[in-house]
Amino acid sequence: MEKKQIKVLGPGCSRCKKTFAVVEKVVVSNGVDADLVKVDDIEEIMRYNIMSTPAVVVDGKVVLKGKVPSESEIRQVLGIS
C-alpha cells in the first residue's frame, strides 16, 4: 500500500487539536504508513475551499470537515476495516 498523505486543517482550536489526536491514534494503532501533518496556516487552509474546521485531507482530497470525527470515521476514510 502506498504511503498516505494526511493533513488536519485548523487554526489550532481545541476541536482541531482533538481531531489531530484522533487521526494520530488511528494511524499509530493501525500501523498506517502515513505522513500526518497539522496545517494551521489560514492561506493553505483556504486553498481547500472549506468553510468550517477542523477538516481532514487524505491524499489531497477533503474527506471530513466541520466536526471532530470518531475513530471509526477515520478508519472508514482510510479504508481500515
PDB file of N, CA and C in Angstrom:
ATOM      1  N   MET A   1       0.845  -1.188   0.000  1.00  0.00           N
ATOM      2  CA  MET A   1       0.000   0.000   0.000  1.00  0.00           C
ATOM      3  C   MET A   1       0.887   1.247   0.000  1.00  0.00           C
ATOM      4  N   GLU A   2       0.495   2.222  -0.766  1.00  0.00           N
ATOM      5  CA  GLU A   2       1.259   3.456  -0.881  1.00  0.00           C
ATOM      6  C   GLU A   2       1.106   4.314   0.377  1.00  0.00           C
ATOM      7  N   LYS A   3       2.146   5.056   0.702  1.00  0.00           N
ATOM      8  CA  LYS A   3       2.110   5.932   1.875  1.00  0.00           C
ATOM      9  C   LYS A   3       1.059   7.021   1.682  1.00  0.00           C
ATOM     10  N   LYS A   4       0.215   7.209   2.692  1.00  0.00           N
ATOM     11  CA  LYS A   4      -0.840   8.229   2.617  1.00  0.00           C
ATOM     12  C   LYS A   4      -0.321   9.570   3.119  1.00  0.00           C
ATOM     13  N   GLN A   5      -0.846  10.617   2.528  1.00  0.00           N
ATOM     14  CA  GLN A   5      -0.571  11.973   2.980  1.00  0.00           C
ATOM     15  C   GLN A   5      -1.834  12.464   3.685  1.00  0.00           C
ATOM     16  N   ILE A   6      -1.751  12.669   4.995  1.00  0.00           N
ATOM     17  CA  ILE A   6      -2.922  13.089   5.766  1.00  0.00           C
ATOM     18  C   ILE A   6      -2.645  14.446   6.380  1.00  0.00           C
ATOM     19  N   LYS A   7      -3.586  15.367   6.182  1.00  0.00           N
ATOM     20  CA  LYS A   7      -3.472  16.699   6.770  1.00  0.00           C
ATOM     21  C   LYS A   7      -4.706  16.970   7.616  1.00  0.00           C
ATOM     22  N   VAL A   8      -4.486  17.553   8.784  1.00  0.00           N
ATOM     23  CA  VAL A   8      -5.584  18.028   9.613  1.00  0.00           C
ATOM     24  C   VAL A   8      -5.530  19.548   9.527  1.00  0.00           C
ATOM     25  N   LEU A   9      -6.592  20.140   8.978  1.00  0.00           N
ATOM     26  CA  LEU A   9      -6.639  21.584   8.778  1.00  0.00           C
ATOM     27  C   LEU A   9      -7.388  22.242   9.924  1.00  0.00           C
ATOM     28  N   GLY A  10      -6.807  23.292  10.472  1.00  0.00           N
ATOM     29  CA  GLY A  10      -7.472  24.037  11.529  1.00  0.00           C
ATOM     30  C   GLY A  10      -6.539  25.051  12.142  1.00  0.00           C
ATOM     31  N   PRO A  11      -7.111  26.138  12.665  1.00  0.00           N
ATOM     32  CA  PRO A  11      -6.294  27.232  13.196  1.00  0.00           C
ATOM     33  C   PRO A  11      -5.658  26.957  14.552  1.00  0.00           C
ATOM     34  N   GLY A  12      -5.930  25.796  15.149  1.00  0.00           N
ATOM     35  CA  GLY A  12      -5.323  25.486  16.440  1.00  0.00           C
ATOM     36  C   GLY A  12      -6.317  25.493  17.582  1.00  0.00           C
ATOM     37  N   CYS A  13      -7.599  25.467  17.279  1.00  0.00           N
ATOM     38  CA  CYS A  13      -8.628  25.430  18.315  1.00  0.00           C
ATOM     39  C   CYS A  13      -8.660  24.051  18.970  1.00  0.00           C
ATOM     40  N   SER A  14      -9.397  23.929  20.051  1.00  0.00           N
ATOM     41  CA  SER A  14      -9.441  22.651  20.774  1.00  0.00           C
ATOM     42  C   SER A  14     -10.024  21.537  19.911  1.00  0.00           C
ATOM     43  N   ARG A  15     -11.016  21.840  19.091  1.00  0.00           N
ATOM     44  CA  ARG A  15     -11.600  20.822  18.213  1.00  0.00           C
ATOM     45  C   ARG A  15     -10.576  20.336  17.185  1.00  0.00           C
ATOM     46  N   CYS A  16      -9.754  21.258  16.706  1.00  0.00           N
ATOM     47  CA  CYS A  16      -8.721  20.892  15.737  1.00  0.00           C
ATOM     48  C   CYS A  16      -7.676  19.994  16.393  1.00  0.00           C
ATOM     49  N   LYS A  17      -7.307  20.321  17.621  1.00  0.00           N
ATOM     50  CA  LYS A  17      -6.331  19.510  18.347  1.00  0.00           C
ATOM     51  C   LYS A  17      -6.894  18.118  18.630  1.00  0.00           C
ATOM     52  N   LYS A  18      -8.181  18.048  18.992  1.00  0.00           N
ATOM     53  CA  LYS A  18      -8.816  16.746  19.238  1.00  0.00           C
ATOM     54  C   LYS A  18      -8.840  15.921  17.958  1.00  0.00           C
ATOM     55  N   THR A  19      -9.142  16.575  16.836  1.00  0.00           N
ATOM     56  CA  THR A  19      -9.185  15.873  15.557  1.00  0.00           C
ATOM     57  C   THR A  19      -7.816  15.299  15.223  1.00  0.00           C
ATOM     58  N   PHE A  20      -6.773  16.095  15.406  1.00  0.00           N
ATOM     59  CA  PHE A  20      -5.416  15.610  15.139  1.00  0.00           C
ATOM     60  C   PHE A  20      -5.114  14.404  16.022  1.00  0.00           C
ATOM     61  N   ALA A  21      -5.491  14.477  17.298  1.00  0.00           N
ATOM     62  CA  ALA A  21      -5.230  13.379  18.234  1.00  0.00           C
ATOM     63  C   ALA A  21      -5.954  12.101  17.808  1.00  0.00           C
ATOM     64  N   VAL A  22      -7.204  12.234  17.355  1.00  0.00           N
ATOM     65  CA  VAL A  22      -7.968  11.062  16.911  1.00  0.00           C
ATOM     66  C   VAL A  22      -7.312  10.443  15.679  1.00  0.00           C
ATOM     67  N   VAL A  23      -6.949  11.271  14.705  1.00  0.00           N
ATOM     68  CA  VAL A  23      -6.312  10.766  13.481  1.00  0.00           C
ATOM     69  C   VAL A  23      -4.986  10.104  13.830  1.00  0.00           C
ATOM     70  N   GLU A  24      -4.190  10.755  14.660  1.00  0.00           N
ATOM     71  CA  GLU A  24      -2.892  10.213  15.050  1.00  0.00           C
ATOM     72  C   GLU A  24      -3.048   8.853  15.743  1.00  0.00           C
ATOM     73  N   LYS A  25      -4.027   8.742  16.637  1.00  0.00           N
ATOM     74  CA  LYS A  25      -4.265   7.488  17.350  1.00  0.00           C
ATOM     75  C   LYS A  25      -4.608   6.360  16.384  1.00  0.00           C
ATOM     76  N   VAL A  26      -5.495   6.641  15.417  1.00  0.00           N
ATOM     77  CA  VAL A  26      -5.897   5.626  14.446  1.00  0.00           C
ATOM     78  C   VAL A  26      -4.705   5.219  13.574  1.00  0.00           C
ATOM     79  N   VAL A  27      -3.930   6.201  13.121  1.00  0.00           N
ATOM     80  CA  VAL A  27      -2.763   5.916  12.269  1.00  0.00           C
ATOM     81  C   VAL A  27      -1.761   5.036  13.021  1.00  0.00           C
ATOM     82  N   VAL A  28      -1.440   5.405  14.253  1.00  0.00           N
ATOM     83  CA  VAL A  28      -0.449   4.664  15.034  1.00  0.00           C
ATOM     84  C   VAL A  28      -0.967   3.280  15.419  1.00  0.00           C
ATOM     85  N   SER A  29      -2.192   3.210  15.944  1.00  0.00           N
ATOM     86  CA  SER A  29      -2.699   1.921  16.442  1.00  0.00           C
ATOM     87  C   SER A  29      -2.982   0.921  15.327  1.00  0.00           C
ATOM     88  N   ASN A  30      -3.159   1.408  14.094  1.00  0.00           N
ATOM     89  CA  ASN A  30      -3.415   0.509  12.972  1.00  0.00           C
ATOM     90  C   ASN A  30      -2.205   0.338  12.061  1.00  0.00           C
ATOM     91  N   GLY A  31      -1.082   0.937  12.428  1.00  0.00           N
ATOM     92  CA  GLY A  31       0.133   0.787  11.644  1.00  0.00           C
ATOM     93  C   GLY A  31       0.026   1.340  10.228  1.00  0.00           C
ATOM     94  N   VAL A  32      -0.735   2.430  10.070  1.00  0.00           N
ATOM     95  CA  VAL A  32      -0.913   3.036   8.749  1.00  0.00           C
ATOM     96  C   VAL A  32       0.374   3.756   8.354  1.00  0.00           C
ATOM     97  N   ASP A  33       0.850   3.502   7.131  1.00  0.00           N
ATOM     98  CA  ASP A  33       2.033   4.182   6.620  1.00  0.00           C
ATOM     99  C   ASP A  33       1.581   5.538   6.088  1.00  0.00           C
ATOM    100  N   ALA A  34       1.797   6.592   6.891  1.00  0.00           N
ATOM    101  CA  ALA A  34       1.271   7.903   6.516  1.00  0.00           C
ATOM    102  C   ALA A  34       2.149   9.024   7.037  1.00  0.00           C
ATOM    103  N   ASP A  35       2.151  10.118   6.290  1.00  0.00           N
ATOM    104  CA  ASP A  35       2.719  11.376   6.765  1.00  0.00           C
ATOM    105  C   ASP A  35       1.540  12.174   7.295  1.00  0.00           C
ATOM    106  N   LEU A  36       1.541  12.445   8.595  1.00  0.00           N
ATOM    107  CA  LEU A  36       0.450  13.180   9.232  1.00  0.00           C
ATOM    108  C   LEU A  36       0.938  14.573   9.569  1.00  0.00           C
ATOM    109  N   VAL A  37       0.228  15.583   9.056  1.00  0.00           N
ATOM    110  CA  VAL A  37       0.654  16.967   9.222  1.00  0.00           C
ATOM    111  C   VAL A  37      -0.505  17.804   9.751  1.00  0.00           C
ATOM    112  N   LYS A  38      -0.203  18.702  10.685  1.00  0.00           N
ATOM    113  CA  LYS A  38      -1.192  19.662  11.184  1.00  0.00           C
ATOM    114  C   LYS A  38      -0.979  20.949  10.406  1.00  0.00           C
ATOM    115  N   VAL A  39      -2.022  21.429   9.751  1.00  0.00           N
ATOM    116  CA  VAL A  39      -1.930  22.657   8.957  1.00  0.00           C
ATOM    117  C   VAL A  39      -2.727  23.751   9.654  1.00  0.00           C
ATOM    118  N   ASP A  40      -2.021  24.798  10.131  1.00  0.00           N
ATOM    119  CA  ASP A  40      -2.731  25.894  10.777  1.00  0.00           C
ATOM    120  C   ASP A  40      -2.563  27.219  10.035  1.00  0.00           C
ATOM    121  N   ASP A  41      -1.939  27.158   8.860  1.00  0.00           N
ATOM    122  CA  ASP A  41      -1.777  28.357   8.037  1.00  0.00           C
ATOM    123  C   ASP A  41      -3.099  28.648   7.313  1.00  0.00           C
ATOM    124  N   ILE A  42      -3.694  29.803   7.615  1.00  0.00           N
ATOM    125  CA  ILE A  42      -5.015  30.135   7.067  1.00  0.00           C
ATOM    126  C   ILE A  42      -5.026  30.131   5.540  1.00  0.00           C
ATOM    127  N   GLU A  43      -3.966  30.654   4.928  1.00  0.00           N
ATOM    128  CA  GLU A  43      -3.933  30.689   3.460  1.00  0.00           C
ATOM    129  C   GLU A  43      -3.939  29.286   2.864  1.00  0.00           C
ATOM    130  N   GLU A  44      -3.179  28.363   3.479  1.00  0.00           N
ATOM    131  CA  GLU A  44      -3.168  26.987   2.974  1.00  0.00           C
ATOM    132  C   GLU A  44      -4.529  26.322   3.202  1.00  0.00           C
ATOM    133  N   ILE A  45      -5.126  26.581   4.364  1.00  0.00           N
ATOM    134  CA  ILE A  45      -6.455  26.023   4.653  1.00  0.00           C
ATOM    135  C   ILE A  45      -7.464  26.521   3.614  1.00  0.00           C
ATOM    136  N   MET A  46      -7.403  27.794   3.272  1.00  0.00           N
ATOM    137  CA  MET A  46      -8.351  28.376   2.310  1.00  0.00           C
ATOM    138  C   MET A  46      -8.213  27.755   0.920  1.00  0.00           C
ATOM    139  N   ARG A  47      -7.035  27.241   0.584  1.00  0.00           N
ATOM    140  CA  ARG A  47      -6.843  26.602  -0.723  1.00  0.00           C
ATOM    141  C   ARG A  47      -7.730  25.371  -0.887  1.00  0.00           C
ATOM    142  N   TYR A  48      -8.146  24.781   0.241  1.00  0.00           N
ATOM    143  CA  TYR A  48      -9.003  23.596   0.169  1.00  0.00           C
ATOM    144  C   TYR A  48     -10.485  23.962   0.073  1.00  0.00           C
ATOM    145  N   ASN A  49     -10.790  25.259   0.077  1.00  0.00           N
ATOM    146  CA  ASN A  49     -12.153  25.742  -0.124  1.00  0.00           C
ATOM    147  C   ASN A  49     -13.132  25.168   0.898  1.00  0.00           C
ATOM    148  N   ILE A  50     -12.717  25.150   2.159  1.00  0.00           N
ATOM    149  CA  ILE A  50     -13.619  24.695   3.214  1.00  0.00           C
ATOM    150  C   ILE A  50     -14.045  25.887   4.048  1.00  0.00           C
ATOM    151  N   MET A  51     -15.269  25.825   4.562  1.00  0.00           N
ATOM    152  CA  MET A  51     -15.796  26.932   5.353  1.00  0.00           C
ATOM    153  C   MET A  51     -15.725  26.663   6.848  1.00  0.00           C
ATOM    154  N   SER A  52     -15.593  25.399   7.234  1.00  0.00           N
ATOM    155  CA  SER A  52     -15.552  25.099   8.659  1.00  0.00           C
ATOM    156  C   SER A  52     -14.439  24.111   8.964  1.00  0.00           C
ATOM    157  N   THR A  53     -13.787  24.361  10.082  1.00  0.00           N
ATOM    158  CA  THR A  53     -12.721  23.473  10.527  1.00  0.00           C
ATOM    159  C   THR A  53     -13.199  22.793  11.804  1.00  0.00           C
ATOM    160  N   PRO A  54     -12.601  21.721  12.197  1.00  0.00           N
ATOM    161  CA  PRO A  54     -11.455  21.056  11.581  1.00  0.00           C
ATOM    162  C   PRO A  54     -11.843  20.305  10.319  1.00  0.00           C
ATOM    163  N   ALA A  55     -10.843  20.038   9.491  1.00  0.00           N
ATOM    164  CA  ALA A  55     -11.050  19.245   8.287  1.00  0.00           C
ATOM    165  C   ALA A  55      -9.898  18.250   8.170  1.00  0.00           C
ATOM    166  N   VAL A  56     -10.202  17.127   7.553  1.00  0.00           N
ATOM    167  CA  VAL A  56      -9.191  16.103   7.328  1.00  0.00           C
ATOM    168  C   VAL A  56      -9.046  15.906   5.826  1.00  0.00           C
ATOM    169  N   VAL A  57      -7.792  15.963   5.352  1.00  0.00           N
ATOM    170  CA  VAL A  57      -7.489  15.802   3.936  1.00  0.00           C
ATOM    171  C   VAL A  57      -6.619  14.552   3.797  1.00  0.00           C
ATOM    172  N   VAL A  58      -7.037  13.639   2.932  1.00  0.00           N
ATOM    173  CA  VAL A  58      -6.257  12.427   2.670  1.00  0.00           C
ATOM    174  C   VAL A  58      -5.868  12.432   1.202  1.00  0.00           C
ATOM    175  N   ASP A  59      -4.568  12.386   0.937  1.00  0.00           N
ATOM    176  CA  ASP A  59      -4.039  12.388  -0.435  1.00  0.00           C
ATOM    177  C   ASP A  59      -4.645  13.514  -1.280  1.00  0.00           C
ATOM    178  N   GLY A  60      -4.742  14.709  -0.685  1.00  0.00           N
ATOM    179  CA  GLY A  60      -5.203  15.889  -1.415  1.00  0.00           C
ATOM    180  C   GLY A  60      -6.704  16.064  -1.497  1.00  0.00           C
ATOM    181  N   LYS A  61      -7.476  15.134  -0.946  1.00  0.00           N
ATOM    182  CA  LYS A  61      -8.939  15.204  -1.027  1.00  0.00           C
ATOM    183  C   LYS A  61      -9.520  15.436   0.364  1.00  0.00           C
ATOM    184  N   VAL A  62     -10.408  16.442   0.487  1.00  0.00           N
ATOM    185  CA  VAL A  62     -11.079  16.705   1.763  1.00  0.00           C
ATOM    186  C   VAL A  62     -12.072  15.567   2.010  1.00  0.00           C
ATOM    187  N   VAL A  63     -11.874  14.839   3.116  1.00  0.00           N
ATOM    188  CA  VAL A  63     -12.745  13.691   3.404  1.00  0.00           C
ATOM    189  C   VAL A  63     -13.682  13.948   4.577  1.00  0.00           C
ATOM    190  N   LEU A  64     -13.332  14.857   5.463  1.00  0.00           N
ATOM    191  CA  LEU A  64     -14.183  15.213   6.598  1.00  0.00           C
ATOM    192  C   LEU A  64     -13.997  16.691   6.893  1.00  0.00           C
ATOM    193  N   LYS A  65     -15.080  17.355   7.321  1.00  0.00           N
ATOM    194  CA  LYS A  65     -14.937  18.762   7.699  1.00  0.00           C
ATOM    195  C   LYS A  65     -16.028  19.184   8.664  1.00  0.00           C
ATOM    196  N   GLY A  66     -15.688  20.170   9.497  1.00  0.00           N
ATOM    197  CA  GLY A  66     -16.670  20.801  10.360  1.00  0.00           C
ATOM    198  C   GLY A  66     -16.996  20.116  11.663  1.00  0.00           C
ATOM    199  N   LYS A  67     -16.303  19.013  11.983  1.00  0.00           N
ATOM    200  CA  LYS A  67     -16.570  18.345  13.254  1.00  0.00           C
ATOM    201  C   LYS A  67     -15.379  17.496  13.649  1.00  0.00           C
ATOM    202  N   VAL A  68     -15.358  17.114  14.914  1.00  0.00           N
ATOM    203  CA  VAL A  68     -14.338  16.190  15.395  1.00  0.00           C
ATOM    204  C   VAL A  68     -14.827  14.785  15.034  1.00  0.00           C
ATOM    205  N   PRO A  69     -14.069  14.071  14.210  1.00  0.00           N
ATOM    206  CA  PRO A  69     -14.507  12.742  13.789  1.00  0.00           C
ATOM    207  C   PRO A  69     -14.267  11.688  14.865  1.00  0.00           C
ATOM    208  N   SER A  70     -15.009  10.594  14.779  1.00  0.00           N
ATOM    209  CA  SER A  70     -14.770   9.461  15.672  1.00  0.00           C
ATOM    210  C   SER A  70     -13.640   8.616  15.082  1.00  0.00           C
ATOM    211  N   GLU A  71     -13.104   7.728  15.898  1.00  0.00           N
ATOM    212  CA  GLU A  71     -12.055   6.831  15.398  1.00  0.00           C
ATOM    213  C   GLU A  71     -12.599   5.971  14.259  1.00  0.00           C
ATOM    214  N   SER A  72     -13.847   5.526  14.374  1.00  0.00           N
ATOM    215  CA  SER A  72     -14.412   4.679  13.313  1.00  0.00           C
ATOM    216  C   SER A  72     -14.569   5.447  12.005  1.00  0.00           C
ATOM    217  N   GLU A  73     -14.900   6.748  12.081  1.00  0.00           N
ATOM    218  CA  GLU A  73     -14.990   7.558  10.852  1.00  0.00           C
ATOM    219  C   GLU A  73     -13.618   7.673  10.179  1.00  0.00           C
ATOM    220  N   ILE A  74     -12.574   7.851  10.995  1.00  0.00           N
ATOM    221  CA  ILE A  74     -11.226   7.956  10.441  1.00  0.00           C
ATOM    222  C   ILE A  74     -10.813   6.625   9.814  1.00  0.00           C
ATOM    223  N   ARG A  75     -11.087   5.520  10.515  1.00  0.00           N
ATOM    224  CA  ARG A  75     -10.759   4.204   9.941  1.00  0.00           C
ATOM    225  C   ARG A  75     -11.487   4.019   8.611  1.00  0.00           C
ATOM    226  N   GLN A  76     -12.729   4.458   8.539  1.00  0.00           N
ATOM    227  CA  GLN A  76     -13.516   4.305   7.307  1.00  0.00           C
ATOM    228  C   GLN A  76     -12.885   5.085   6.150  1.00  0.00           C
ATOM    229  N   VAL A  77     -12.525   6.349   6.363  1.00  0.00           N
ATOM    230  CA  VAL A  77     -11.963   7.148   5.273  1.00  0.00           C
ATOM    231  C   VAL A  77     -10.557   6.669   4.877  1.00  0.00           C
ATOM    232  N   LEU A  78      -9.875   5.983   5.814  1.00  0.00           N
ATOM    233  CA  LEU A  78      -8.551   5.448   5.490  1.00  0.00           C
ATOM    234  C   LEU A  78      -8.629   4.035   4.908  1.00  0.00           C
ATOM    235  N   GLY A  79      -9.836   3.492   4.867  1.00  0.00           N
ATOM    236  CA  GLY A  79     -10.013   2.155   4.301  1.00  0.00           C
ATOM    237  C   GLY A  79      -9.569   1.036   5.221  1.00  0.00           C
ATOM    238  N   ILE A  80      -9.657   1.294   6.529  1.00  0.00           N
ATOM    239  CA  ILE A  80      -9.301   0.264   7.515  1.00  0.00           C
ATOM    240  C   ILE A  80     -10.605  -0.337   8.037  1.00  0.00           C
ATOM    241  N   SER A  81     -10.704  -1.649   7.993  1.00  0.00           N
ATOM    242  CA  SER A  81     -11.959  -2.262   8.467  1.00  0.00           C
ATOM    243  C   SER A  81     -11.939  -2.503   9.957  1.00  0.00           C
TER     244      SER A  81
END
